C-alpha cells in the first residue's frame, strides 16, 4: 500500500495564522492529479508539533475527504507519550485513514528496549498498518536495525521511513528485515540509491513542489530504469538540497509561496528563511521554470 512516492504534506496557514482549509484541499488534489502514490499529512513537514489536537485531526480529515479513496492516506501520529499516541490513533481509525506514520519519541530519548515497547504497545492497540519514522537528526534517537527486526514480527508493523541519512544503516535494515517489511527513504536525495538496495520508495518533501516529476523519478528507479532516474536526480538535485538550506519546512513553504501555491506563513518557532537563503531558493526555482511571478 505504501510504496512509490508519498508526499509529506505541508500544512498551509492563512495570514492570521489559522488553518487554510481551502488551500489544503487544493494541495491534496494537486498531488493526486500529479500521480502521487500516497499522502502523509501531519508529519514534520506539516508542522504537526504546532497544530492543536483539533487541527491535527481536521487536517487528516480533509486529506481523507479530498483523497476519496484515490490514494492511501498515511496519517502522522507520534510523540513521546505512548498513551497519547494510542488515543490519537484510535481517533484517526474512525476517519478512514489507510495507516499511521509514527515518529520515534523525542526529547525523552528512550533506549532500544523502550522504543520496542513503545511501538509494540501501538501495534497492539490498532489493526491499522504502522510505519515507524526513524529520524535521529531531529529526535536524538535512532531505531537500530535489530529493533526493526523485532518490530517486523507484528503483522501490522509494516515498514519504516528511514531518515538517518546513513546508506550503510539502510543496507543493514534491508538485509535483515523480511521482504514484506517496506523500507522508505526519508531523504529525497537518497531515494534512488535506497531503491537500488531494495527500498520501495520515499516519503518526500520535494514532492510538495514537483509531485509529477518526483513520482516519475521514483517509478523509474523502481522499474529499473536507472538512466532515467539519474537524469531526473541531476535535474532536481539542487532543489532537493535547497529545501534543507535551513530547517524544513521553512524553505519548501517559501518555495511553494513563490510558486503561487500557498501563503508564506509558518508557526513559531518556524520562521521564513533568511534573505540570503530566499535568494538562493528563488534562483533555483527560476532555473527550473517554477517561479509564479508573484512576490512574497
Foldseek 3Di string as FASTA:
>chain_A
DPFFEEAADAFFADPVGHGDLVLLLVLLVVLVVLPGAEYEYQDVLNVNVPDDLVRLLVSQLSSCVSCVPVHAYAYEAEEQDLVRSLVSVVVVVVSPHQAYEYEFYADVADDLVVRLVSVVVNLVSDPHAYEYEAACVPRVYGNALVSVQVVLVRVRPAEYADHPPDPVRLLVNVVRHDLRRAYAYAALLCFLVSVVSPHGYYHDHCCSQVVNLSSVLRVCSNVVVVVVNVVSCVLCVLVSVLCVPDPPPQLSLLLCVQLVSHPNDDDPPDDHDDPVSSVSSVVSCVVVVRGPPDDD
